[in-house]
Amino acid sequence: MGLRDKLRGKRVYFDANIFIYLMEGFASLAHDLNEIRDSIAHGESSICTSELTLCEVLVPAFRANNTSLLALYRQFNFGDQAGSLAKPGVVTGCSLYPVTSTE
């Protein structure tokens, strides 16, 4: 049984790492990442996450002013319950962190 079969019919929580791997790639996990992408794309599984997780992955892209990566995250289907980037304030809040952070 492959990963795609294990995901079928499931709602799965994704943390920041899996989003980074899915969006930016991770060579040693390429096969598994493709299985996850296919499962989501074909509606076989759904994902959920939080706005905090989305901000965690977006802040580095804002810091680097990486517009292509930001566009890639905006295009990703985060699912119904997933803390959509379309929700008011999510992207704005994430974009302000690099400017206001004292790190």
Protein backbone atom coordinates (compact mmCIF):
# COMPACT_ATOMS: atom_id res chain seq x y z
CA MET A 1 0.00 0.00 0.00
CA GLY A 2 1.45 3.32 -1.11
CA LEU A 3 1.19 6.70 0.56
CA ARG A 4 -1.58 7.80 -1.79
CA ASP A 5 -3.66 4.79 -0.76
CA LYS A 6 -3.07 5.56 2.92
CA LEU A 7 -4.25 9.16 2.42
CA ARG A 8 -7.41 8.24 0.48
CA GLY A 9 -10.53 9.44 2.28
CA LYS A 10 -8.55 11.07 5.07
CA ARG A 11 -8.34 14.62 6.31
CA VAL A 12 -4.70 15.22 7.22
CA TYR A 13 -3.10 18.00 9.28
CA PHE A 14 -0.03 19.54 7.65
CA ASP A 15 2.60 21.42 9.61
CA ALA A 16 5.03 23.94 8.12
CA ASN A 17 7.62 21.38 7.03
CA ILE A 18 5.33 19.51 4.66
CA PHE A 19 4.25 22.77 3.00
CA ILE A 20 7.88 23.79 2.54
CA TYR A 21 8.72 20.40 1.05
CA LEU A 22 5.67 20.46 -1.24
CA MET A 23 6.30 24.00 -2.45
CA GLU A 24 10.07 24.20 -2.53
CA GLY A 25 10.97 20.57 -3.12
CA PHE A 26 13.03 18.04 -1.23
CA ALA A 27 14.82 15.60 -3.54
CA SER A 28 14.96 12.59 -1.23
CA LEU A 29 11.18 12.75 -0.70
CA ALA A 30 10.19 13.52 -4.31
CA HIS A 31 8.16 10.31 -4.78
CA ASP A 32 6.19 10.76 -1.55
CA LEU A 33 5.61 14.45 -2.28
CA ASN A 34 4.21 13.58 -5.70
CA GLU A 35 1.89 11.04 -4.07
CA ILE A 36 0.64 13.72 -1.67
CA ARG A 37 0.16 16.26 -4.47
CA ASP A 38 -1.74 13.73 -6.59
CA SER A 39 -3.96 12.72 -3.69
CA ILE A 40 -4.89 16.35 -3.01
CA ALA A 41 -5.26 17.27 -6.70
CA HIS A 42 -7.63 14.37 -7.35
CA GLY A 43 -9.73 15.11 -4.28
CA GLU A 44 -8.84 11.80 -2.66
CA SER A 45 -7.75 13.47 0.57
CA SER A 46 -8.06 16.87 2.15
CA ILE A 47 -5.67 18.84 4.24
CA CYS A 48 -6.08 21.12 7.19
CA THR A 49 -3.69 23.48 8.88
CA SER A 50 -3.71 26.75 10.78
CA GLU A 51 -3.10 30.37 9.94
CA LEU A 52 -0.06 30.22 12.20
CA THR A 53 1.43 27.44 10.05
CA LEU A 54 0.75 29.44 6.90
CA CYS A 55 2.48 32.47 8.39
CA GLU A 56 5.40 30.29 9.41
CA VAL A 57 5.98 29.31 5.78
CA LEU A 58 5.19 32.74 4.32
CA VAL A 59 7.41 34.91 6.53
CA PRO A 60 10.71 33.71 4.98
CA ALA A 61 9.32 34.36 1.50
CA PHE A 62 8.29 37.88 2.52
CA ARG A 63 11.69 38.49 4.15
CA ALA A 64 13.44 37.49 0.93
CA ASN A 65 10.87 39.36 -1.19
CA ASN A 66 10.47 36.10 -3.12
CA THR A 67 7.41 36.98 -5.19
CA SER A 68 7.46 33.76 -7.20
CA LEU A 69 7.37 31.63 -4.04
CA LEU A 70 4.60 33.80 -2.57
CA ALA A 71 2.60 33.34 -5.78
CA LEU A 72 3.15 29.58 -5.59
CA TYR A 73 1.78 29.47 -2.03
CA ARG A 74 -1.22 31.58 -3.06
CA GLN A 75 -2.05 29.14 -5.88
CA PHE A 76 -1.94 26.06 -3.64
CA ASN A 77 -5.33 24.63 -2.67
CA PHE A 78 -5.24 24.68 1.12
CA GLY A 79 -8.70 23.13 1.40
CA ASP A 80 -11.91 24.30 3.02
CA GLN A 81 -10.83 24.30 6.66
CA ALA A 82 -7.18 24.95 6.07
CA GLY A 83 -6.73 28.55 7.08
CA SER A 84 -7.18 29.92 3.60
CA LEU A 85 -4.87 32.60 2.34
CA ALA A 86 -8.03 34.31 1.12
CA LYS A 87 -9.14 35.01 4.70
CA PRO A 88 -8.84 38.69 5.52
CA GLY A 89 -5.66 39.50 7.38
CA VAL A 90 -3.76 36.23 6.94
CA VAL A 91 -1.37 37.37 4.23
CA THR A 92 -1.25 40.92 5.59
CA GLY A 93 -0.32 39.68 9.05
CA CYS A 94 2.36 37.40 7.65
CA SER A 95 3.79 40.21 5.53
CA LEU A 96 4.07 42.56 8.51
CA TYR A 97 6.05 40.15 10.70
CA PRO A 98 9.37 40.53 8.83
CA VAL A 99 9.07 44.31 9.09
CA THR A 100 8.11 44.46 12.76
CA SER A 101 10.12 41.53 14.13
CA THR A 102 12.92 42.32 16.55
CA GLU A 103 14.90 39.20 15.65
